Amino acid sequence: MRVVLALAAVLALGGCATVMPEDATDAPMAYACAGGKRFTASYDLKGDKASVTAGGTSYILRHVRSGSGARYAKGPVELFTKGDEALLDGAAGGPYRACRTG
């Protein structure tokens, strides 16, 4: 965890355009959302793509520029994460709002 935090601090101070979600991992992370909705996402360690499964459909999203947090998109599907919170739009069964890992 300390290594991830140190890396995040270095990237932030360096002005790097890539922002990884907290605890970036290629292992799936489960998100529980408002209304009992759920989805999973895994993030490659480079921070350039996210694999999302929602509503029985899987998506590969690319990292795109974001003012704060991390944003991934492909076509109408967009995932925004900041810390352990997330929003997912355009995916099957969505929208997914007020989502948290854990």
PDB file of N, CA and C in Angstrom:
ATOM      1  N   MET A   1       0.830  -1.188   0.000  1.00  0.00           N
ATOM      2  CA  MET A   1       0.000   0.000   0.000  1.00  0.00           C
ATOM      3  C   MET A   1       0.872   1.248   0.000  1.00  0.00           C
ATOM      4  N   ARG A   2       1.946   1.240   0.790  1.00  0.00           N
ATOM      5  CA  ARG A   2       2.830   2.409   0.831  1.00  0.00           C
ATOM      6  C   ARG A   2       3.469   2.665  -0.522  1.00  0.00           C
ATOM      7  N   VAL A   3       3.828   1.580  -1.227  1.00  0.00           N
ATOM      8  CA  VAL A   3       4.435   1.734  -2.542  1.00  0.00           C
ATOM      9  C   VAL A   3       3.450   2.384  -3.501  1.00  0.00           C
ATOM     10  N   VAL A   4       2.194   1.963  -3.468  1.00  0.00           N
ATOM     11  CA  VAL A   4       1.164   2.539  -4.339  1.00  0.00           C
ATOM     12  C   VAL A   4       0.979   4.017  -4.023  1.00  0.00           C
ATOM     13  N   LEU A   5       0.912   4.362  -2.742  1.00  0.00           N
ATOM     14  CA  LEU A   5       0.740   5.765  -2.352  1.00  0.00           C
ATOM     15  C   LEU A   5       1.945   6.605  -2.762  1.00  0.00           C
ATOM     16  N   ALA A   6       3.139   6.068  -2.589  1.00  0.00           N
ATOM     17  CA  ALA A   6       4.342   6.797  -2.987  1.00  0.00           C
ATOM     18  C   ALA A   6       4.357   7.011  -4.498  1.00  0.00           C
ATOM     19  N   LEU A   7       4.001   5.972  -5.260  1.00  0.00           N
ATOM     20  CA  LEU A   7       3.947   6.093  -6.709  1.00  0.00           C
ATOM     21  C   LEU A   7       2.914   7.127  -7.132  1.00  0.00           C
ATOM     22  N   ALA A   8       1.758   7.108  -6.499  1.00  0.00           N
ATOM     23  CA  ALA A   8       0.711   8.087  -6.824  1.00  0.00           C
ATOM     24  C   ALA A   8       1.194   9.506  -6.543  1.00  0.00           C
ATOM     25  N   ALA A   9       1.894   9.704  -5.442  1.00  0.00           N
ATOM     26  CA  ALA A   9       2.407  11.033  -5.106  1.00  0.00           C
ATOM     27  C   ALA A   9       3.429  11.504  -6.126  1.00  0.00           C
ATOM     28  N   VAL A  10       4.324  10.611  -6.541  1.00  0.00           N
ATOM     29  CA  VAL A  10       5.332  10.966  -7.537  1.00  0.00           C
ATOM     30  C   VAL A  10       4.671  11.336  -8.853  1.00  0.00           C
ATOM     31  N   LEU A  11       3.676  10.549  -9.284  1.00  0.00           N
ATOM     32  CA  LEU A  11       2.988  10.862 -10.533  1.00  0.00           C
ATOM     33  C   LEU A  11       2.249  12.182 -10.456  1.00  0.00           C
ATOM     34  N   ALA A  12       1.615  12.457  -9.333  1.00  0.00           N
ATOM     35  CA  ALA A  12       0.882  13.714  -9.168  1.00  0.00           C
ATOM     36  C   ALA A  12       1.835  14.900  -9.196  1.00  0.00           C
ATOM     37  N   LEU A  13       2.948  14.776  -8.514  1.00  0.00           N
ATOM     38  CA  LEU A  13       3.915  15.867  -8.478  1.00  0.00           C
ATOM     39  C   LEU A  13       4.584  16.075  -9.822  1.00  0.00           C
ATOM     40  N   GLY A  14       4.714  14.997 -10.588  1.00  0.00           N
ATOM     41  CA  GLY A  14       5.359  15.085 -11.887  1.00  0.00           C
ATOM     42  C   GLY A  14       4.456  15.632 -12.972  1.00  0.00           C
ATOM     43  N   GLY A  15       3.185  15.846 -12.665  1.00  0.00           N
ATOM     44  CA  GLY A  15       2.266  16.382 -13.662  1.00  0.00           C
ATOM     45  C   GLY A  15       1.918  15.372 -14.734  1.00  0.00           C
ATOM     46  N   CYS A  16       2.055  14.113 -14.439  1.00  0.00           N
ATOM     47  CA  CYS A  16       1.768  13.065 -15.406  1.00  0.00           C
ATOM     48  C   CYS A  16       0.276  13.036 -15.711  1.00  0.00           C
ATOM     49  N   ALA A  17      -0.087  12.795 -16.979  1.00  0.00           N
ATOM     50  CA  ALA A  17      -1.494  12.780 -17.377  1.00  0.00           C
ATOM     51  C   ALA A  17      -2.208  11.490 -16.988  1.00  0.00           C
ATOM     52  N   THR A  18      -1.464  10.439 -16.641  1.00  0.00           N
ATOM     53  CA  THR A  18      -2.083   9.174 -16.274  1.00  0.00           C
ATOM     54  C   THR A  18      -2.347   9.147 -14.786  1.00  0.00           C
ATOM     55  N   VAL A  19      -3.587   8.908 -14.416  1.00  0.00           N
ATOM     56  CA  VAL A  19      -3.966   8.809 -13.010  1.00  0.00           C
ATOM     57  C   VAL A  19      -4.569   7.438 -12.801  1.00  0.00           C
ATOM     58  N   MET A  20      -3.939   6.630 -11.941  1.00  0.00           N
ATOM     59  CA  MET A  20      -4.443   5.292 -11.692  1.00  0.00           C
ATOM     60  C   MET A  20      -5.435   5.317 -10.546  1.00  0.00           C
ATOM     61  N   PRO A  21      -6.430   4.429 -10.582  1.00  0.00           N
ATOM     62  CA  PRO A  21      -7.341   4.325  -9.451  1.00  0.00           C
ATOM     63  C   PRO A  21      -6.575   3.899  -8.212  1.00  0.00           C
ATOM     64  N   GLU A  22      -7.143   4.206  -7.071  1.00  0.00           N
ATOM     65  CA  GLU A  22      -6.523   3.796  -5.817  1.00  0.00           C
ATOM     66  C   GLU A  22      -6.348   2.285  -5.837  1.00  0.00           C
ATOM     67  N   ASP A  23      -5.172   1.817  -5.413  1.00  0.00           N
ATOM     68  CA  ASP A  23      -4.870   0.388  -5.362  1.00  0.00           C
ATOM     69  C   ASP A  23      -5.046  -0.282  -6.725  1.00  0.00           C
ATOM     70  N   ALA A  24      -4.538   0.340  -7.796  1.00  0.00           N
ATOM     71  CA  ALA A  24      -4.658  -0.234  -9.137  1.00  0.00           C
ATOM     72  C   ALA A  24      -4.172  -1.676  -9.132  1.00  0.00           C
ATOM     73  N   THR A  25      -4.950  -2.536  -9.733  1.00  0.00           N
ATOM     74  CA  THR A  25      -4.633  -3.953  -9.780  1.00  0.00           C
ATOM     75  C   THR A  25      -5.298  -4.559 -10.996  1.00  0.00           C
ATOM     76  N   ASP A  26      -4.705  -5.629 -11.513  1.00  0.00           N
ATOM     77  CA  ASP A  26      -5.362  -6.298 -12.620  1.00  0.00           C
ATOM     78  C   ASP A  26      -6.384  -7.320 -12.120  1.00  0.00           C
ATOM     79  N   ALA A  27      -6.509  -7.486 -10.797  1.00  0.00           N
ATOM     80  CA  ALA A  27      -7.536  -8.354 -10.214  1.00  0.00           C
ATOM     81  C   ALA A  27      -8.861  -7.593 -10.178  1.00  0.00           C
ATOM     82  N   PRO A  28      -9.974  -8.258 -10.470  1.00  0.00           N
ATOM     83  CA  PRO A  28     -11.270  -7.564 -10.477  1.00  0.00           C
ATOM     84  C   PRO A  28     -11.620  -6.957  -9.114  1.00  0.00           C
ATOM     85  N   MET A  29     -12.136  -5.748  -9.162  1.00  0.00           N
ATOM     86  CA  MET A  29     -12.621  -5.062  -7.971  1.00  0.00           C
ATOM     87  C   MET A  29     -14.137  -4.978  -8.099  1.00  0.00           C
ATOM     88  N   ALA A  30     -14.857  -5.344  -7.049  1.00  0.00           N
ATOM     89  CA  ALA A  30     -16.316  -5.306  -7.065  1.00  0.00           C
ATOM     90  C   ALA A  30     -16.805  -3.952  -6.564  1.00  0.00           C
ATOM     91  N   TYR A  31     -17.752  -3.370  -7.280  1.00  0.00           N
ATOM     92  CA  TYR A  31     -18.359  -2.106  -6.884  1.00  0.00           C
ATOM     93  C   TYR A  31     -19.828  -2.350  -6.557  1.00  0.00           C
ATOM     94  N   ALA A  32     -20.284  -1.848  -5.415  1.00  0.00           N
ATOM     95  CA  ALA A  32     -21.689  -1.880  -5.023  1.00  0.00           C
ATOM     96  C   ALA A  32     -22.222  -0.458  -5.187  1.00  0.00           C
ATOM     97  N   CYS A  33     -23.370  -0.347  -5.852  1.00  0.00           N
ATOM     98  CA  CYS A  33     -23.899   0.963  -6.217  1.00  0.00           C
ATOM     99  C   CYS A  33     -25.301   1.178  -5.654  1.00  0.00           C
ATOM    100  N   ALA A  34     -25.770   2.403  -5.782  1.00  0.00           N
ATOM    101  CA  ALA A  34     -27.127   2.753  -5.360  1.00  0.00           C
ATOM    102  C   ALA A  34     -28.127   1.861  -6.087  1.00  0.00           C
ATOM    103  N   GLY A  35     -29.229   1.557  -5.414  1.00  0.00           N
ATOM    104  CA  GLY A  35     -30.269   0.739  -6.006  1.00  0.00           C
ATOM    105  C   GLY A  35     -29.924  -0.733  -6.101  1.00  0.00           C
ATOM    106  N   GLY A  36     -28.867  -1.171  -5.399  1.00  0.00           N
ATOM    107  CA  GLY A  36     -28.482  -2.573  -5.410  1.00  0.00           C
ATOM    108  C   GLY A  36     -27.734  -3.012  -6.657  1.00  0.00           C
ATOM    109  N   LYS A  37     -27.355  -2.082  -7.516  1.00  0.00           N
ATOM    110  CA  LYS A  37     -26.620  -2.433  -8.735  1.00  0.00           C
ATOM    111  C   LYS A  37     -25.166  -2.737  -8.394  1.00  0.00           C
ATOM    112  N   ARG A  38     -24.547  -3.583  -9.226  1.00  0.00           N
ATOM    113  CA  ARG A  38     -23.153  -3.976  -9.012  1.00  0.00           C
ATOM    114  C   ARG A  38     -22.442  -4.109 -10.359  1.00  0.00           C
ATOM    115  N   PHE A  39     -21.134  -3.868 -10.336  1.00  0.00           N
ATOM    116  CA  PHE A  39     -20.292  -4.158 -11.490  1.00  0.00           C
ATOM    117  C   PHE A  39     -18.885  -4.445 -10.996  1.00  0.00           C
ATOM    118  N   THR A  40     -18.062  -5.023 -11.867  1.00  0.00           N
ATOM    119  CA  THR A  40     -16.661  -5.265 -11.525  1.00  0.00           C
ATOM    120  C   THR A  40     -15.777  -4.533 -12.529  1.00  0.00           C
ATOM    121  N   ALA A  41     -14.595  -4.165 -12.079  1.00  0.00           N
ATOM    122  CA  ALA A  41     -13.614  -3.527 -12.948  1.00  0.00           C
ATOM    123  C   ALA A  41     -12.225  -3.954 -12.518  1.00  0.00           C
ATOM    124  N   SER A  42     -11.362  -4.129 -13.484  1.00  0.00           N
ATOM    125  CA  SER A  42      -9.947  -4.363 -13.201  1.00  0.00           C
ATOM    126  C   SER A  42      -9.153  -3.368 -14.028  1.00  0.00           C
ATOM    127  N   TYR A  43      -8.051  -2.933 -13.487  1.00  0.00           N
ATOM    128  CA  TYR A  43      -7.248  -1.872 -14.093  1.00  0.00           C
ATOM    129  C   TYR A  43      -5.849  -2.405 -14.344  1.00  0.00           C
ATOM    130  N   ASP A  44      -5.347  -2.218 -15.562  1.00  0.00           N
ATOM    131  CA  ASP A  44      -3.978  -2.651 -15.788  1.00  0.00           C
ATOM    132  C   ASP A  44      -3.043  -1.738 -15.009  1.00  0.00           C
ATOM    133  N   LEU A  45      -1.901  -2.249 -14.641  1.00  0.00           N
ATOM    134  CA  LEU A  45      -0.996  -1.517 -13.764  1.00  0.00           C
ATOM    135  C   LEU A  45      -0.385  -0.293 -14.432  1.00  0.00           C
ATOM    136  N   LYS A  46      -0.426  -0.206 -15.754  1.00  0.00           N
ATOM    137  CA  LYS A  46       0.056   0.985 -16.455  1.00  0.00           C
ATOM    138  C   LYS A  46      -0.953   2.120 -16.353  1.00  0.00           C
ATOM    139  N   GLY A  47      -2.202   1.783 -16.046  1.00  0.00           N
ATOM    140  CA  GLY A  47      -3.239   2.800 -15.925  1.00  0.00           C
ATOM    141  C   GLY A  47      -3.853   3.216 -17.234  1.00  0.00           C
ATOM    142  N   ASP A  48      -3.590   2.451 -18.337  1.00  0.00           N
ATOM    143  CA  ASP A  48      -4.121   2.897 -19.622  1.00  0.00           C
ATOM    144  C   ASP A  48      -5.396   2.194 -20.071  1.00  0.00           C
ATOM    145  N   LYS A  49      -5.882   1.194 -19.304  1.00  0.00           N
ATOM    146  CA  LYS A  49      -7.160   0.595 -19.659  1.00  0.00           C
ATOM    147  C   LYS A  49      -7.824  -0.040 -18.442  1.00  0.00           C
ATOM    148  N   ALA A  50      -9.155  -0.195 -18.564  1.00  0.00           N
ATOM    149  CA  ALA A  50      -9.952  -0.835 -17.524  1.00  0.00           C
ATOM    150  C   ALA A  50     -10.841  -1.868 -18.204  1.00  0.00           C
ATOM    151  N   SER A  51     -10.957  -3.028 -17.583  1.00  0.00           N
ATOM    152  CA  SER A  51     -11.875  -4.064 -18.048  1.00  0.00           C
ATOM    153  C   SER A  51     -13.070  -4.050 -17.109  1.00  0.00           C
ATOM    154  N   VAL A  52     -14.259  -3.811 -17.645  1.00  0.00           N
ATOM    155  CA  VAL A  52     -15.466  -3.651 -16.840  1.00  0.00           C
ATOM    156  C   VAL A  52     -16.491  -4.704 -17.240  1.00  0.00           C
ATOM    157  N   THR A  53     -17.149  -5.308 -16.256  1.00  0.00           N
ATOM    158  CA  THR A  53     -18.279  -6.201 -16.509  1.00  0.00           C
ATOM    159  C   THR A  53     -19.480  -5.667 -15.747  1.00  0.00           C
ATOM    160  N   ALA A  54     -20.539  -5.365 -16.494  1.00  0.00           N
ATOM    161  CA  ALA A  54     -21.758  -4.798 -15.904  1.00  0.00           C
ATOM    162  C   ALA A  54     -22.957  -5.311 -16.685  1.00  0.00           C
ATOM    163  N   GLY A  55     -24.005  -5.696 -15.984  1.00  0.00           N
ATOM    164  CA  GLY A  55     -25.223  -6.149 -16.643  1.00  0.00           C
ATOM    165  C   GLY A  55     -25.004  -7.322 -17.579  1.00  0.00           C
ATOM    166  N   GLY A  56     -24.032  -8.184 -17.270  1.00  0.00           N
ATOM    167  CA  GLY A  56     -23.751  -9.353 -18.087  1.00  0.00           C
ATOM    168  C   GLY A  56     -22.931  -9.080 -19.334  1.00  0.00           C
ATOM    169  N   THR A  57     -22.439  -7.875 -19.509  1.00  0.00           N
ATOM    170  CA  THR A  57     -21.650  -7.492 -20.676  1.00  0.00           C
ATOM    171  C   THR A  57     -20.279  -6.997 -20.228  1.00  0.00           C
ATOM    172  N   SER A  58     -19.236  -7.357 -20.991  1.00  0.00           N
ATOM    173  CA  SER A  58     -17.874  -6.917 -20.675  1.00  0.00           C
ATOM    174  C   SER A  58     -17.420  -5.838 -21.654  1.00  0.00           C
ATOM    175  N   TYR A  59     -16.638  -4.909 -21.140  1.00  0.00           N
ATOM    176  CA  TYR A  59     -16.137  -3.778 -21.920  1.00  0.00           C
ATOM    177  C   TYR A  59     -14.652  -3.579 -21.625  1.00  0.00           C
ATOM    178  N   ILE A  60     -13.883  -3.195 -22.630  1.00  0.00           N
ATOM    179  CA  ILE A  60     -12.501  -2.760 -22.446  1.00  0.00           C
ATOM    180  C   ILE A  60     -12.510  -1.256 -22.719  1.00  0.00           C
ATOM    181  N   LEU A  61     -12.189  -0.473 -21.691  1.00  0.00           N
ATOM    182  CA  LEU A  61     -12.210   0.986 -21.798  1.00  0.00           C
ATOM    183  C   LEU A  61     -10.788   1.526 -21.759  1.00  0.00           C
ATOM    184  N   ARG A  62     -10.531   2.560 -22.497  1.00  0.00           N
ATOM    185  CA  ARG A  62      -9.214   3.217 -22.531  1.00  0.00           C
ATOM    186  C   ARG A  62      -9.197   4.427 -21.608  1.00  0.00           C
ATOM    187  N   HIS A  63      -8.050   4.670 -21.005  1.00  0.00           N
ATOM    188  CA  HIS A  63      -7.878   5.844 -20.153  1.00  0.00           C
ATOM    189  C   HIS A  63      -7.989   7.094 -21.017  1.00  0.00           C
ATOM    190  N   VAL A  64      -8.752   8.066 -20.552  1.00  0.00           N
ATOM    191  CA  VAL A  64      -8.875   9.365 -21.220  1.00  0.00           C
ATOM    192  C   VAL A  64      -8.610  10.459 -20.201  1.00  0.00           C
ATOM    193  N   ARG A  65      -8.280  11.619 -20.700  1.00  0.00           N
ATOM    194  CA  ARG A  65      -7.942  12.747 -19.837  1.00  0.00           C
ATOM    195  C   ARG A  65      -9.076  13.075 -18.876  1.00  0.00           C
ATOM    196  N   SER A  66      -8.688  13.405 -17.644  1.00  0.00           N
ATOM    197  CA  SER A  66      -9.655  13.742 -16.603  1.00  0.00           C
ATOM    198  C   SER A  66      -9.090  14.869 -15.758  1.00  0.00           C
ATOM    199  N   GLY A  67      -9.943  15.757 -15.306  1.00  0.00           N
ATOM    200  CA  GLY A  67      -9.491  16.840 -14.443  1.00  0.00           C
ATOM    201  C   GLY A  67      -9.134  16.361 -13.048  1.00  0.00           C
ATOM    202  N   SER A  68      -9.802  15.322 -12.596  1.00  0.00           N
ATOM    203  CA  SER A  68      -9.587  14.784 -11.252  1.00  0.00           C
ATOM    204  C   SER A  68     -10.009  13.324 -11.276  1.00  0.00           C
ATOM    205  N   GLY A  69      -9.317  12.477 -10.553  1.00  0.00           N
ATOM    206  CA  GLY A  69      -9.646  11.061 -10.557  1.00  0.00           C
ATOM    207  C   GLY A  69      -9.161  10.413 -11.835  1.00  0.00           C
ATOM    208  N   ALA A  70      -9.745   9.282 -12.190  1.00  0.00           N
ATOM    209  CA  ALA A  70      -9.384   8.564 -13.415  1.00  0.00           C
ATOM    210  C   ALA A  70     -10.653   8.341 -14.222  1.00  0.00           C
ATOM    211  N   ARG A  71     -10.544   8.483 -15.536  1.00  0.00           N
ATOM    212  CA  ARG A  71     -11.690   8.304 -16.412  1.00  0.00           C
ATOM    213  C   ARG A  71     -11.289   7.367 -17.542  1.00  0.00           C
ATOM    214  N   TYR A  72     -12.186   6.419 -17.839  1.00  0.00           N
ATOM    215  CA  TYR A  72     -11.983   5.443 -18.899  1.00  0.00           C
ATOM    216  C   TYR A  72     -13.225   5.452 -19.770  1.00  0.00           C
ATOM    217  N   ALA A  73     -13.056   5.337 -21.096  1.00  0.00           N
ATOM    218  CA  ALA A  73     -14.217   5.401 -21.977  1.00  0.00           C
ATOM    219  C   ALA A  73     -13.964   4.645 -23.267  1.00  0.00           C
ATOM    220  N   LYS A  74     -15.069   4.192 -23.855  1.00  0.00           N
ATOM    221  CA  LYS A  74     -15.080   3.654 -25.217  1.00  0.00           C
ATOM    222  C   LYS A  74     -16.514   3.782 -25.703  1.00  0.00           C
ATOM    223  N   GLY A  75     -16.701   4.576 -26.746  1.00  0.00           N
ATOM    224  CA  GLY A  75     -18.051   4.823 -27.252  1.00  0.00           C
ATOM    225  C   GLY A  75     -18.906   5.438 -26.162  1.00  0.00           C
ATOM    226  N   PRO A  76     -20.116   4.920 -25.954  1.00  0.00           N
ATOM    227  CA  PRO A  76     -21.010   5.512 -24.961  1.00  0.00           C
ATOM    228  C   PRO A  76     -20.726   5.079 -23.518  1.00  0.00           C
ATOM    229  N   VAL A  77     -19.797   4.141 -23.331  1.00  0.00           N
ATOM    230  CA  VAL A  77     -19.518   3.625 -21.987  1.00  0.00           C
ATOM    231  C   VAL A  77     -18.389   4.436 -21.359  1.00  0.00           C
ATOM    232  N   GLU A  78     -18.636   4.931 -20.141  1.00  0.00           N
ATOM    233  CA  GLU A  78     -17.649   5.756 -19.451  1.00  0.00           C
ATOM    234  C   GLU A  78     -17.620   5.392 -17.966  1.00  0.00           C
ATOM    235  N   LEU A  79     -16.407   5.191 -17.459  1.00  0.00           N
ATOM    236  CA  LEU A  79     -16.177   4.888 -16.049  1.00  0.00           C
ATOM    237  C   LEU A  79     -15.340   6.004 -15.457  1.00  0.00           C
ATOM    238  N   PHE A  80     -15.803   6.568 -14.354  1.00  0.00           N
ATOM    239  CA  PHE A  80     -15.052   7.592 -13.638  1.00  0.00           C
ATOM    240  C   PHE A  80     -14.794   7.072 -12.231  1.00  0.00           C
ATOM    241  N   THR A  81     -13.538   7.096 -11.792  1.00  0.00           N
ATOM    242  CA  THR A  81     -13.202   6.656 -10.437  1.00  0.00           C
ATOM    243  C   THR A  81     -12.401   7.729  -9.722  1.00  0.00           C
ATOM    244  N   LYS A  82     -12.595   7.777  -8.427  1.00  0.00           N
ATOM    245  CA  LYS A  82     -11.794   8.653  -7.573  1.00  0.00           C
ATOM    246  C   LYS A  82     -11.751   7.979  -6.212  1.00  0.00           C
ATOM    247  N   GLY A  83     -10.559   7.543  -5.806  1.00  0.00           N
ATOM    248  CA  GLY A  83     -10.433   6.785  -4.575  1.00  0.00           C
ATOM    249  C   GLY A  83     -11.192   5.490  -4.693  1.00  0.00           C
ATOM    250  N   ASP A  84     -12.062   5.194  -3.735  1.00  0.00           N
ATOM    251  CA  ASP A  84     -12.839   3.948  -3.791  1.00  0.00           C
ATOM    252  C   ASP A  84     -14.249   4.168  -4.344  1.00  0.00           C
ATOM    253  N   GLU A  85     -14.508   5.344  -4.921  1.00  0.00           N
ATOM    254  CA  GLU A  85     -15.819   5.663  -5.478  1.00  0.00           C
ATOM    255  C   GLU A  85     -15.783   5.597  -7.000  1.00  0.00           C
ATOM    256  N   ALA A  86     -16.954   5.311  -7.604  1.00  0.00           N
ATOM    257  CA  ALA A  86     -17.019   5.226  -9.062  1.00  0.00           C
ATOM    258  C   ALA A  86     -18.415   5.562  -9.572  1.00  0.00           C
ATOM    259  N   LEU A  87     -18.465   5.964 -10.841  1.00  0.00           N
ATOM    260  CA  LEU A  87     -19.689   6.149 -11.618  1.00  0.00           C
ATOM    261  C   LEU A  87     -19.484   5.414 -12.929  1.00  0.00           C
ATOM    262  N   LEU A  88     -20.509   4.731 -13.410  1.00  0.00           N
ATOM    263  CA  LEU A  88     -20.421   4.027 -14.687  1.00  0.00           C
ATOM    264  C   LEU A  88     -21.657   4.377 -15.507  1.00  0.00           C
ATOM    265  N   ASP A  89     -21.451   4.939 -16.696  1.00  0.00           N
ATOM    266  CA  ASP A  89     -22.541   5.322 -17.596  1.00  0.00           C
ATOM    267  C   ASP A  89     -22.429   4.561 -18.905  1.00  0.00           C
ATOM    268  N   GLY A  90     -23.572   4.315 -19.533  1.00  0.00           N
ATOM    269  CA  GLY A  90     -23.602   3.729 -20.861  1.00  0.00           C
ATOM    270  C   GLY A  90     -23.482   2.218 -20.893  1.00  0.00           C
ATOM    271  N   ALA A  91     -23.266   1.575 -19.760  1.00  0.00           N
ATOM    272  CA  ALA A  91     -23.122   0.115 -19.710  1.00  0.00           C
ATOM    273  C   ALA A  91     -24.482  -0.537 -19.503  1.00  0.00           C
ATOM    274  N   ALA A  92     -24.585  -1.795 -19.908  1.00  0.00           N
ATOM    275  CA  ALA A  92     -25.826  -2.564 -19.731  1.00  0.00           C
ATOM    276  C   ALA A  92     -26.259  -2.528 -18.272  1.00  0.00           C
ATOM    277  N   GLY A  93     -27.566  -2.300 -18.041  1.00  0.00           N
ATOM    278  CA  GLY A  93     -28.105  -2.275 -16.689  1.00  0.00           C
ATOM    279  C   GLY A  93     -27.895  -0.973 -15.952  1.00  0.00           C
ATOM    280  N   GLY A  94     -27.223   0.002 -16.583  1.00  0.00           N
ATOM    281  CA  GLY A  94     -26.885   1.254 -15.928  1.00  0.00           C
ATOM    282  C   GLY A  94     -27.980   2.287 -16.037  1.00  0.00           C
ATOM    283  N   PRO A  95     -27.726   3.463 -15.536  1.00  0.00           N
ATOM    284  CA  PRO A  95     -26.449   3.935 -15.004  1.00  0.00           C
ATOM    285  C   PRO A  95     -26.168   3.397 -13.599  1.00  0.00           C
ATOM    286  N   TYR A  96     -24.896   3.386 -13.269  1.00  0.00           N
ATOM    287  CA  TYR A  96     -24.432   2.935 -11.959  1.00  0.00           C
ATOM    288  C   TYR A  96     -23.927   4.168 -11.212  1.00  0.00           C
ATOM    289  N   ARG A  97     -24.598   4.505 -10.117  1.00  0.00           N
ATOM    290  CA  ARG A  97     -24.298   5.719  -9.370  1.00  0.00           C
ATOM    291  C   ARG A  97     -23.941   5.389  -7.921  1.00  0.00           C
ATOM    292  N   ALA A  98     -23.194   6.316  -7.300  1.00  0.00           N
ATOM    293  CA  ALA A  98     -22.818   6.185  -5.886  1.00  0.00           C
ATOM    294  C   ALA A  98     -22.211   4.806  -5.603  1.00  0.00           C
ATOM    295  N   CYS A  99     -21.248   4.417  -6.428  1.00  0.00           N
ATOM    296  CA  CYS A  99     -20.623   3.097  -6.308  1.00  0.00           C
ATOM    297  C   CYS A  99     -19.373   3.171  -5.437  1.00  0.00           C
ATOM    298  N   ARG A 100     -19.139   2.083  -4.701  1.00  0.00           N
ATOM    299  CA  ARG A 100     -17.969   1.970  -3.823  1.00  0.00           C
ATOM    300  C   ARG A 100     -17.434   0.547  -3.893  1.00  0.00           C
ATOM    301  N   THR A 101     -16.113   0.448  -3.778  1.00  0.00           N
ATOM    302  CA  THR A 101     -15.509  -0.880  -3.666  1.00  0.00           C
ATOM    303  C   THR A 101     -15.664  -1.353  -2.249  1.00  0.00           C
ATOM    304  N   GLY A 102     -15.550  -2.669  -2.090  1.00  0.00           N
ATOM    305  CA  GLY A 102     -15.563  -3.174  -0.712  1.00  0.00           C
ATOM    306  C   GLY A 102     -16.555  -4.164  -0.403  1.00  0.00           C
TER     307      GLY A 102
END
